[in-house]
Amino acid sequence: MGGPAADRGRSIKKEPGIGLSNTKVTQTPSEAPNTMKYTQKQFTPELLDRIKQTERSIGSLLEEITQPYKNKFQNKDIQLDSSLDQEGIDPFEPGYRSSLNIGISEKGGDLLDLHTIVIWECQRTFLGLPTGKNIPGSKISGELMDETTKEIKAELREYLGDWLDNA
C-alpha cells in the first residue's frame, strides 16, 4: 500500500501457524498517523461537533465501501467484517476512542488481517507517556484524523483491492 492516506492505517497480519496473540503490529516512522493534535484548552463545542460529524460520515462511508467487496471475498472463502467502534462516552474524557475497523478472516473464523483507522482519541499523558491516573502535572490531549472522506475511501478501496488480488 502506498500514498499519503494509506500511511495512517495500521494492519495486523497473522502468519500461518502463529496465533493472534503472537502477532506483531508494526508502524514505522514513515507510516506515522496523519493527525491533528489538540490540548485540553482547545476542546471546544466546535471541535466536539467536528468529531461527531467525522464519526457520522465515516460510519456511513464504511458500509458504502465494504458492501461491494463482501461477495467478492465470499467467493474466495474469506469473510469481510467492518465496524465503527467507540470506547467511552465523552470524547473529551481520557480513554475515549473512536475507530473504523475492517477485519478479514477465514470462513472458520481465524483472523487474517485487521485494519484500524483511529478517528479520535483522547488520552492523559505525563511527561509525554500515556497514563491512566490523574497524576499532578499530567495533561489531557486528543488527536483527530486529518484525512478527508475521499482520502479514506481511496485508502479502503486500495486496501480491499490489494487483499482480493493477493488472496
N, C-alpha and C. Protein backbone atom coordinates (compact mmCIF):
# COMPACT_ATOMS: atom_id res chain seq x y z
N MET A 1 0.85 -1.19 0.00
CA MET A 1 0.00 0.00 0.00
C MET A 1 0.88 1.23 0.00
N GLY A 2 0.44 2.24 -0.68
CA GLY A 2 1.22 3.46 -0.71
C GLY A 2 0.31 4.65 -0.69
N GLY A 3 0.90 5.82 -0.85
CA GLY A 3 0.12 7.05 -0.88
C GLY A 3 -0.06 7.63 0.49
N PRO A 4 -0.38 8.91 0.56
CA PRO A 4 -0.48 9.58 1.85
C PRO A 4 -1.59 9.06 2.73
N ALA A 5 -2.73 8.70 2.16
CA ALA A 5 -3.83 8.23 3.01
C ALA A 5 -3.54 6.84 3.56
N ALA A 6 -2.80 6.03 2.84
CA ALA A 6 -2.51 4.68 3.29
C ALA A 6 -1.54 4.67 4.45
N ASP A 7 -0.82 5.75 4.67
CA ASP A 7 0.18 5.78 5.73
C ASP A 7 -0.44 5.80 7.12
N ARG A 8 -1.70 6.19 7.28
CA ARG A 8 -2.29 6.33 8.58
C ARG A 8 -2.82 5.02 9.13
N GLY A 9 -3.17 4.08 8.27
CA GLY A 9 -3.75 2.84 8.72
C GLY A 9 -2.73 1.94 9.40
N ARG A 10 -3.24 1.04 10.19
CA ARG A 10 -2.38 0.09 10.88
C ARG A 10 -3.00 -1.27 10.66
N SER A 11 -2.20 -2.23 10.24
CA SER A 11 -2.71 -3.57 9.98
C SER A 11 -2.03 -4.58 10.87
N ILE A 12 -2.77 -5.60 11.19
CA ILE A 12 -2.24 -6.74 11.92
C ILE A 12 -2.34 -7.90 10.96
N LYS A 13 -1.25 -8.57 10.69
CA LYS A 13 -1.27 -9.71 9.80
C LYS A 13 -0.91 -10.96 10.57
N LYS A 14 -1.69 -11.99 10.37
CA LYS A 14 -1.46 -13.26 11.05
C LYS A 14 -0.64 -14.15 10.12
N GLU A 15 0.47 -14.63 10.64
CA GLU A 15 1.28 -15.55 9.87
C GLU A 15 0.77 -16.96 10.08
N PRO A 16 0.89 -17.82 9.06
CA PRO A 16 0.41 -19.19 9.21
C PRO A 16 1.07 -19.88 10.40
N GLY A 17 0.24 -20.57 11.18
CA GLY A 17 0.75 -21.33 12.31
C GLY A 17 1.02 -20.50 13.55
N ILE A 18 0.75 -19.22 13.50
CA ILE A 18 1.00 -18.35 14.65
C ILE A 18 -0.33 -17.76 15.09
N GLY A 19 -0.62 -17.85 16.37
CA GLY A 19 -1.86 -17.29 16.89
C GLY A 19 -1.83 -15.78 16.90
N LEU A 20 -2.98 -15.15 17.00
CA LEU A 20 -3.06 -13.70 17.00
C LEU A 20 -2.31 -13.10 18.18
N SER A 21 -2.23 -13.82 19.29
CA SER A 21 -1.52 -13.29 20.46
C SER A 21 -0.03 -13.14 20.18
N ASN A 22 0.48 -13.84 19.18
CA ASN A 22 1.89 -13.74 18.82
C ASN A 22 2.11 -12.80 17.63
N THR A 23 1.06 -12.17 17.17
CA THR A 23 1.15 -11.30 16.01
C THR A 23 1.64 -9.93 16.42
N LYS A 24 2.50 -9.37 15.62
CA LYS A 24 3.05 -8.05 15.92
C LYS A 24 2.34 -6.99 15.09
N VAL A 25 2.13 -5.84 15.69
CA VAL A 25 1.63 -4.68 14.99
C VAL A 25 2.82 -3.75 14.87
N THR A 26 3.19 -3.44 13.66
CA THR A 26 4.34 -2.56 13.48
C THR A 26 3.91 -1.31 12.75
N GLN A 27 4.54 -0.25 13.11
CA GLN A 27 4.26 1.03 12.47
C GLN A 27 5.58 1.78 12.41
N THR A 28 6.13 1.90 11.22
CA THR A 28 7.40 2.58 11.05
C THR A 28 7.19 4.08 11.04
N PRO A 29 8.25 4.87 11.25
CA PRO A 29 8.07 6.33 11.26
C PRO A 29 7.44 6.86 9.97
N SER A 30 7.71 6.23 8.84
CA SER A 30 7.11 6.70 7.59
C SER A 30 5.62 6.40 7.54
N GLU A 31 5.13 5.53 8.45
CA GLU A 31 3.71 5.20 8.49
C GLU A 31 3.01 5.90 9.64
N ALA A 32 3.64 6.92 10.22
CA ALA A 32 3.04 7.63 11.35
C ALA A 32 1.70 8.23 10.94
N PRO A 33 0.72 8.18 11.84
CA PRO A 33 -0.60 8.69 11.51
C PRO A 33 -0.60 10.19 11.19
N ASN A 34 -1.47 10.57 10.26
CA ASN A 34 -1.68 11.98 9.95
C ASN A 34 -2.81 12.47 10.83
N THR A 35 -2.47 13.15 11.92
CA THR A 35 -3.48 13.60 12.86
C THR A 35 -3.24 15.05 13.24
N MET A 36 -4.30 15.64 13.74
CA MET A 36 -4.21 16.98 14.31
C MET A 36 -4.29 16.80 15.82
N LYS A 37 -3.35 17.40 16.53
CA LYS A 37 -3.31 17.25 17.98
C LYS A 37 -3.95 18.48 18.63
N TYR A 38 -4.71 18.22 19.70
CA TYR A 38 -5.40 19.27 20.44
C TYR A 38 -5.10 19.13 21.92
N THR A 39 -4.86 20.26 22.56
CA THR A 39 -4.70 20.26 24.01
C THR A 39 -6.07 20.45 24.65
N GLN A 40 -6.16 20.23 25.95
CA GLN A 40 -7.44 20.34 26.64
C GLN A 40 -8.02 21.75 26.50
N LYS A 41 -7.17 22.76 26.43
CA LYS A 41 -7.65 24.14 26.27
C LYS A 41 -8.34 24.35 24.93
N GLN A 42 -8.04 23.50 23.96
CA GLN A 42 -8.63 23.61 22.62
C GLN A 42 -9.90 22.78 22.47
N PHE A 43 -10.33 22.09 23.53
CA PHE A 43 -11.55 21.29 23.49
C PHE A 43 -12.75 22.25 23.54
N THR A 44 -13.36 22.50 22.41
CA THR A 44 -14.47 23.44 22.30
C THR A 44 -15.70 22.72 21.75
N PRO A 45 -16.87 23.36 21.86
CA PRO A 45 -18.07 22.78 21.25
C PRO A 45 -17.90 22.59 19.73
N GLU A 46 -17.16 23.48 19.09
CA GLU A 46 -16.92 23.35 17.65
C GLU A 46 -16.11 22.09 17.35
N LEU A 47 -15.09 21.82 18.18
CA LEU A 47 -14.30 20.61 17.99
C LEU A 47 -15.16 19.37 18.23
N LEU A 48 -16.00 19.40 19.25
CA LEU A 48 -16.89 18.28 19.54
C LEU A 48 -17.80 18.02 18.34
N ASP A 49 -18.36 19.08 17.75
CA ASP A 49 -19.21 18.93 16.57
C ASP A 49 -18.42 18.32 15.41
N ARG A 50 -17.18 18.74 15.25
CA ARG A 50 -16.34 18.21 14.17
C ARG A 50 -16.06 16.72 14.37
N ILE A 51 -15.78 16.33 15.61
CA ILE A 51 -15.53 14.92 15.92
C ILE A 51 -16.77 14.10 15.61
N LYS A 52 -17.92 14.52 16.09
CA LYS A 52 -19.17 13.79 15.88
C LYS A 52 -19.53 13.71 14.40
N GLN A 53 -19.33 14.81 13.66
CA GLN A 53 -19.61 14.82 12.23
C GLN A 53 -18.68 13.86 11.48
N THR A 54 -17.40 13.84 11.87
CA THR A 54 -16.44 12.94 11.24
C THR A 54 -16.82 11.49 11.50
N GLU A 55 -17.20 11.18 12.74
CA GLU A 55 -17.63 9.82 13.08
C GLU A 55 -18.86 9.41 12.27
N ARG A 56 -19.83 10.31 12.13
CA ARG A 56 -21.04 10.00 11.35
C ARG A 56 -20.70 9.77 9.88
N SER A 57 -19.88 10.63 9.31
CA SER A 57 -19.58 10.50 7.88
C SER A 57 -18.75 9.24 7.60
N ILE A 58 -17.84 8.89 8.50
CA ILE A 58 -17.05 7.67 8.33
C ILE A 58 -17.95 6.45 8.50
N GLY A 59 -18.87 6.50 9.44
CA GLY A 59 -19.80 5.39 9.65
C GLY A 59 -20.65 5.10 8.42
N SER A 60 -21.17 6.14 7.79
CA SER A 60 -21.98 5.93 6.58
C SER A 60 -21.11 5.51 5.40
N LEU A 61 -19.89 5.99 5.36
CA LEU A 61 -18.96 5.65 4.29
C LEU A 61 -18.54 4.19 4.39
N LEU A 62 -18.41 3.68 5.59
CA LEU A 62 -17.92 2.32 5.81
C LEU A 62 -18.77 1.28 5.10
N GLU A 63 -20.07 1.34 5.26
CA GLU A 63 -20.96 0.37 4.61
C GLU A 63 -20.94 0.55 3.09
N GLU A 64 -20.89 1.79 2.64
CA GLU A 64 -20.84 2.08 1.21
C GLU A 64 -19.61 1.46 0.55
N ILE A 65 -18.49 1.50 1.24
CA ILE A 65 -17.24 0.97 0.68
C ILE A 65 -17.18 -0.55 0.76
N THR A 66 -17.52 -1.12 1.89
CA THR A 66 -17.33 -2.56 2.08
C THR A 66 -18.38 -3.43 1.41
N GLN A 67 -19.59 -2.94 1.25
CA GLN A 67 -20.67 -3.76 0.69
C GLN A 67 -20.33 -4.37 -0.67
N PRO A 68 -19.81 -3.61 -1.63
CA PRO A 68 -19.49 -4.22 -2.94
C PRO A 68 -18.41 -5.31 -2.87
N TYR A 69 -17.58 -5.29 -1.83
CA TYR A 69 -16.49 -6.26 -1.72
C TYR A 69 -16.89 -7.55 -1.01
N LYS A 70 -17.98 -7.53 -0.25
CA LYS A 70 -18.34 -8.70 0.56
C LYS A 70 -18.54 -9.96 -0.28
N ASN A 71 -19.26 -9.87 -1.40
CA ASN A 71 -19.47 -11.05 -2.25
C ASN A 71 -18.18 -11.52 -2.88
N LYS A 72 -17.33 -10.58 -3.27
CA LYS A 72 -16.05 -10.96 -3.87
C LYS A 72 -15.18 -11.72 -2.87
N PHE A 73 -15.21 -11.30 -1.60
CA PHE A 73 -14.46 -12.00 -0.57
C PHE A 73 -15.08 -13.37 -0.30
N GLN A 74 -16.41 -13.45 -0.27
CA GLN A 74 -17.08 -14.73 -0.03
C GLN A 74 -16.75 -15.74 -1.12
N ASN A 75 -16.61 -15.28 -2.35
CA ASN A 75 -16.26 -16.18 -3.45
C ASN A 75 -14.87 -16.78 -3.27
N LYS A 76 -14.03 -16.15 -2.48
CA LYS A 76 -12.69 -16.67 -2.19
C LYS A 76 -12.63 -17.32 -0.81
N ASP A 77 -13.80 -17.63 -0.25
CA ASP A 77 -13.92 -18.26 1.08
C ASP A 77 -13.26 -17.43 2.17
N ILE A 78 -13.41 -16.13 2.07
CA ILE A 78 -12.89 -15.19 3.06
C ILE A 78 -14.04 -14.31 3.51
N GLN A 79 -14.08 -14.00 4.80
CA GLN A 79 -15.14 -13.17 5.36
C GLN A 79 -14.62 -11.76 5.61
N LEU A 80 -15.42 -10.78 5.24
CA LEU A 80 -15.08 -9.37 5.43
C LEU A 80 -16.07 -8.76 6.43
N ASP A 81 -15.54 -8.21 7.51
CA ASP A 81 -16.37 -7.54 8.51
C ASP A 81 -15.85 -6.13 8.72
N SER A 82 -16.76 -5.22 9.01
CA SER A 82 -16.35 -3.85 9.27
C SER A 82 -17.21 -3.26 10.38
N SER A 83 -16.61 -2.31 11.11
CA SER A 83 -17.37 -1.66 12.18
C SER A 83 -16.78 -0.31 12.51
N LEU A 84 -17.62 0.52 13.08
CA LEU A 84 -17.19 1.79 13.65
C LEU A 84 -17.32 1.62 15.15
N ASP A 85 -16.20 1.61 15.85
CA ASP A 85 -16.20 1.35 17.28
C ASP A 85 -15.94 2.61 18.09
N GLN A 86 -16.61 2.70 19.24
CA GLN A 86 -16.41 3.80 20.18
C GLN A 86 -16.18 3.22 21.56
N GLU A 87 -15.11 3.66 22.19
CA GLU A 87 -14.83 3.29 23.57
C GLU A 87 -15.00 4.56 24.39
N GLY A 88 -15.81 4.51 25.41
CA GLY A 88 -16.06 5.69 26.23
C GLY A 88 -17.31 6.42 25.79
N ILE A 89 -17.67 7.44 26.58
CA ILE A 89 -18.90 8.19 26.32
C ILE A 89 -18.61 9.61 25.86
N ASP A 90 -17.74 10.29 26.58
CA ASP A 90 -17.43 11.69 26.31
C ASP A 90 -16.13 11.80 25.53
N PRO A 91 -16.17 12.36 24.32
CA PRO A 91 -14.95 12.48 23.51
C PRO A 91 -13.82 13.27 24.18
N PHE A 92 -14.15 14.09 25.17
CA PHE A 92 -13.12 14.90 25.82
C PHE A 92 -12.63 14.29 27.13
N GLU A 93 -13.01 13.05 27.40
CA GLU A 93 -12.53 12.35 28.59
C GLU A 93 -11.45 11.35 28.18
N PRO A 94 -10.36 11.26 28.96
CA PRO A 94 -9.32 10.27 28.64
C PRO A 94 -9.92 8.87 28.55
N GLY A 95 -9.47 8.13 27.56
CA GLY A 95 -9.98 6.77 27.35
C GLY A 95 -10.98 6.69 26.21
N TYR A 96 -11.52 7.83 25.78
CA TYR A 96 -12.45 7.81 24.65
C TYR A 96 -11.65 7.59 23.37
N ARG A 97 -12.17 6.71 22.52
CA ARG A 97 -11.51 6.42 21.25
C ARG A 97 -12.56 5.97 20.26
N SER A 98 -12.55 6.53 19.08
CA SER A 98 -13.43 6.06 18.01
C SER A 98 -12.54 5.64 16.85
N SER A 99 -12.92 4.52 16.23
CA SER A 99 -12.09 3.99 15.14
C SER A 99 -12.94 3.21 14.16
N LEU A 100 -12.44 3.14 12.95
CA LEU A 100 -13.01 2.34 11.89
C LEU A 100 -12.18 1.06 11.83
N ASN A 101 -12.81 -0.10 11.80
CA ASN A 101 -12.10 -1.37 11.78
C ASN A 101 -12.62 -2.24 10.65
N ILE A 102 -11.68 -2.83 9.91
CA ILE A 102 -12.03 -3.80 8.88
C ILE A 102 -11.28 -5.07 9.20
N GLY A 103 -12.03 -6.15 9.40
CA GLY A 103 -11.43 -7.44 9.70
C GLY A 103 -11.63 -8.40 8.54
N ILE A 104 -10.58 -9.12 8.22
CA ILE A 104 -10.63 -10.13 7.17
C ILE A 104 -10.27 -11.45 7.83
N SER A 105 -11.16 -12.43 7.68
CA SER A 105 -10.93 -13.71 8.34
C SER A 105 -11.29 -14.87 7.42
N GLU A 106 -10.78 -16.04 7.79
CA GLU A 106 -11.14 -17.25 7.06
C GLU A 106 -12.57 -17.62 7.43
N LYS A 107 -13.20 -18.45 6.62
CA LYS A 107 -14.58 -18.88 6.91
C LYS A 107 -14.68 -19.53 8.28
N GLY A 108 -13.61 -20.20 8.73
CA GLY A 108 -13.61 -20.85 10.03
C GLY A 108 -13.49 -19.89 11.19
N GLY A 109 -13.17 -18.63 10.90
CA GLY A 109 -13.10 -17.63 11.94
C GLY A 109 -11.72 -17.15 12.30
N ASP A 110 -10.64 -17.76 11.76
CA ASP A 110 -9.29 -17.30 12.07
C ASP A 110 -9.04 -15.94 11.42
N LEU A 111 -8.63 -14.98 12.22
CA LEU A 111 -8.36 -13.63 11.74
C LEU A 111 -7.11 -13.63 10.86
N LEU A 112 -7.25 -13.07 9.67
CA LEU A 112 -6.12 -12.95 8.75
C LEU A 112 -5.52 -11.55 8.80
N ASP A 113 -6.37 -10.54 8.92
CA ASP A 113 -5.89 -9.17 8.92
C ASP A 113 -6.92 -8.27 9.60
N LEU A 114 -6.42 -7.26 10.29
CA LEU A 114 -7.28 -6.27 10.93
C LEU A 114 -6.71 -4.91 10.60
N HIS A 115 -7.51 -4.09 9.95
CA HIS A 115 -7.08 -2.74 9.55
C HIS A 115 -7.87 -1.74 10.39
N THR A 116 -7.15 -0.89 11.12
CA THR A 116 -7.78 0.06 12.02
C THR A 116 -7.37 1.48 11.64
N ILE A 117 -8.35 2.35 11.60
CA ILE A 117 -8.11 3.78 11.38
C ILE A 117 -8.74 4.51 12.56
N VAL A 118 -7.91 5.16 13.35
CA VAL A 118 -8.39 5.90 14.52
C VAL A 118 -8.94 7.25 14.05
N ILE A 119 -10.17 7.54 14.46
CA ILE A 119 -10.81 8.81 14.11
C ILE A 119 -10.46 9.86 15.16
N TRP A 120 -10.74 9.57 16.42
CA TRP A 120 -10.44 10.49 17.52
C TRP A 120 -10.01 9.67 18.72
N GLU A 121 -9.00 10.18 19.41
CA GLU A 121 -8.55 9.52 20.63
C GLU A 121 -8.16 10.59 21.64
N CYS A 122 -8.70 10.47 22.85
CA CYS A 122 -8.39 11.38 23.95
C CYS A 122 -7.63 10.59 25.01
N GLN A 123 -6.52 11.16 25.46
CA GLN A 123 -5.74 10.45 26.47
C GLN A 123 -5.07 11.42 27.44
N ARG A 124 -4.70 10.88 28.57
CA ARG A 124 -3.96 11.63 29.58
C ARG A 124 -2.50 11.20 29.47
N THR A 125 -1.60 12.17 29.50
CA THR A 125 -0.17 11.87 29.44
C THR A 125 0.56 12.55 30.59
N PHE A 126 1.66 11.93 30.99
CA PHE A 126 2.54 12.51 32.00
C PHE A 126 3.95 12.38 31.45
N LEU A 127 4.61 13.50 31.29
CA LEU A 127 5.95 13.55 30.69
C LEU A 127 5.97 12.87 29.32
N GLY A 128 4.89 13.05 28.57
CA GLY A 128 4.80 12.53 27.22
C GLY A 128 4.39 11.07 27.11
N LEU A 129 4.20 10.39 28.23
CA LEU A 129 3.81 8.99 28.22
C LEU A 129 2.36 8.84 28.66
N PRO A 130 1.58 7.99 27.96
CA PRO A 130 0.18 7.79 28.35
C PRO A 130 0.07 7.22 29.77
N THR A 131 -0.91 7.72 30.51
CA THR A 131 -1.15 7.21 31.86
C THR A 131 -2.66 7.17 32.11
N GLY A 132 -3.07 6.23 32.92
CA GLY A 132 -4.49 6.11 33.26
C GLY A 132 -4.84 6.85 34.53
N LYS A 133 -3.83 7.34 35.23
CA LYS A 133 -4.06 8.00 36.51
C LYS A 133 -3.95 9.51 36.37
N ASN A 134 -4.69 10.22 37.22
CA ASN A 134 -4.64 11.68 37.23
C ASN A 134 -3.48 12.12 38.13
N ILE A 135 -2.30 12.08 37.57
CA ILE A 135 -1.09 12.47 38.29
C ILE A 135 -0.94 13.99 38.18
N PRO A 136 -0.61 14.68 39.29
CA PRO A 136 -0.38 16.13 39.18
C PRO A 136 0.66 16.43 38.10
N GLY A 137 0.31 17.33 37.22
CA GLY A 137 1.19 17.67 36.11
C GLY A 137 0.87 16.93 34.82
N SER A 138 -0.05 15.96 34.91
CA SER A 138 -0.43 15.24 33.69
C SER A 138 -1.32 16.13 32.84
N LYS A 139 -1.36 15.84 31.55
CA LYS A 139 -2.13 16.66 30.61
C LYS A 139 -3.07 15.79 29.80
N ILE A 140 -4.21 16.37 29.46
CA ILE A 140 -5.19 15.69 28.61
C ILE A 140 -5.07 16.29 27.21
N SER A 141 -5.02 15.42 26.22
CA SER A 141 -4.95 15.87 24.83
C SER A 141 -5.73 14.90 23.96
N GLY A 142 -5.96 15.32 22.74
CA GLY A 142 -6.68 14.48 21.80
C GLY A 142 -6.06 14.58 20.43
N GLU A 143 -6.29 13.55 19.62
CA GLU A 143 -5.82 13.53 18.24
C GLU A 143 -6.98 13.17 17.32
N LEU A 144 -7.16 14.00 16.30
CA LEU A 144 -8.23 13.81 15.32
C LEU A 144 -7.60 13.53 13.98
N MET A 145 -8.10 12.52 13.27
CA MET A 145 -7.54 12.21 11.96
C MET A 145 -7.67 13.40 11.04
N ASP A 146 -6.70 13.53 10.15
CA ASP A 146 -6.61 14.70 9.29
C ASP A 146 -6.87 14.38 7.83
N GLU A 147 -7.63 13.32 7.55
CA GLU A 147 -7.92 12.94 6.18
C GLU A 147 -9.37 13.25 5.85
N THR A 148 -9.60 13.49 4.58
CA THR A 148 -10.97 13.70 4.11
C THR A 148 -11.62 12.34 3.87
N THR A 149 -12.93 12.33 3.75
CA THR A 149 -13.62 11.08 3.46
C THR A 149 -13.19 10.54 2.10
N LYS A 150 -12.85 11.42 1.19
CA LYS A 150 -12.38 10.99 -0.13
C LYS A 150 -11.06 10.22 0.00
N GLU A 151 -10.16 10.70 0.85
CA GLU A 151 -8.89 10.01 1.06
C GLU A 151 -9.10 8.67 1.76
N ILE A 152 -10.01 8.64 2.73
CA ILE A 152 -10.32 7.39 3.44
C ILE A 152 -10.90 6.38 2.46
N LYS A 153 -11.83 6.84 1.63
CA LYS A 153 -12.46 5.97 0.64
C LYS A 153 -11.40 5.36 -0.29
N ALA A 154 -10.47 6.18 -0.75
CA ALA A 154 -9.41 5.69 -1.63
C ALA A 154 -8.51 4.69 -0.91
N GLU A 155 -8.18 4.97 0.34
CA GLU A 155 -7.34 4.06 1.12
C GLU A 155 -8.02 2.71 1.30
N LEU A 156 -9.29 2.72 1.66
CA LEU A 156 -10.00 1.47 1.90
C LEU A 156 -10.18 0.67 0.62
N ARG A 157 -10.47 1.34 -0.47
CA ARG A 157 -10.59 0.63 -1.76
C ARG A 157 -9.26 0.01 -2.15
N GLU A 158 -8.17 0.72 -1.94
CA GLU A 158 -6.85 0.19 -2.25
C GLU A 158 -6.54 -1.02 -1.35
N TYR A 159 -6.83 -0.89 -0.07
CA TYR A 159 -6.59 -1.97 0.88
C TYR A 159 -7.38 -3.22 0.51
N LEU A 160 -8.68 -3.06 0.27
CA LEU A 160 -9.52 -4.21 -0.06
C LEU A 160 -9.15 -4.80 -1.42
N GLY A 161 -8.83 -3.94 -2.38
CA GLY A 161 -8.40 -4.42 -3.69
C GLY A 161 -7.11 -5.22 -3.62
N ASP A 162 -6.16 -4.73 -2.81
CA ASP A 162 -4.90 -5.47 -2.62
C ASP A 162 -5.16 -6.84 -2.00
N TRP A 163 -6.09 -6.90 -1.06
CA TRP A 163 -6.39 -8.17 -0.42
C TRP A 163 -7.00 -9.14 -1.41
N LEU A 164 -7.91 -8.65 -2.25
CA LEU A 164 -8.53 -9.53 -3.25
C LEU A 164 -7.51 -10.03 -4.27
N ASP A 165 -6.60 -9.15 -4.66
CA ASP A 165 -5.59 -9.53 -5.64
C ASP A 165 -4.63 -10.58 -5.09
N ASN A 166 -4.36 -10.52 -3.78
CA ASN A 166 -3.39 -11.43 -3.18
C ASN A 166 -4.00 -12.64 -2.50
N ALA A 167 -5.34 -12.72 -2.47
CA ALA A 167 -5.99 -13.84 -1.77
C ALA A 167 -6.04 -15.08 -2.64
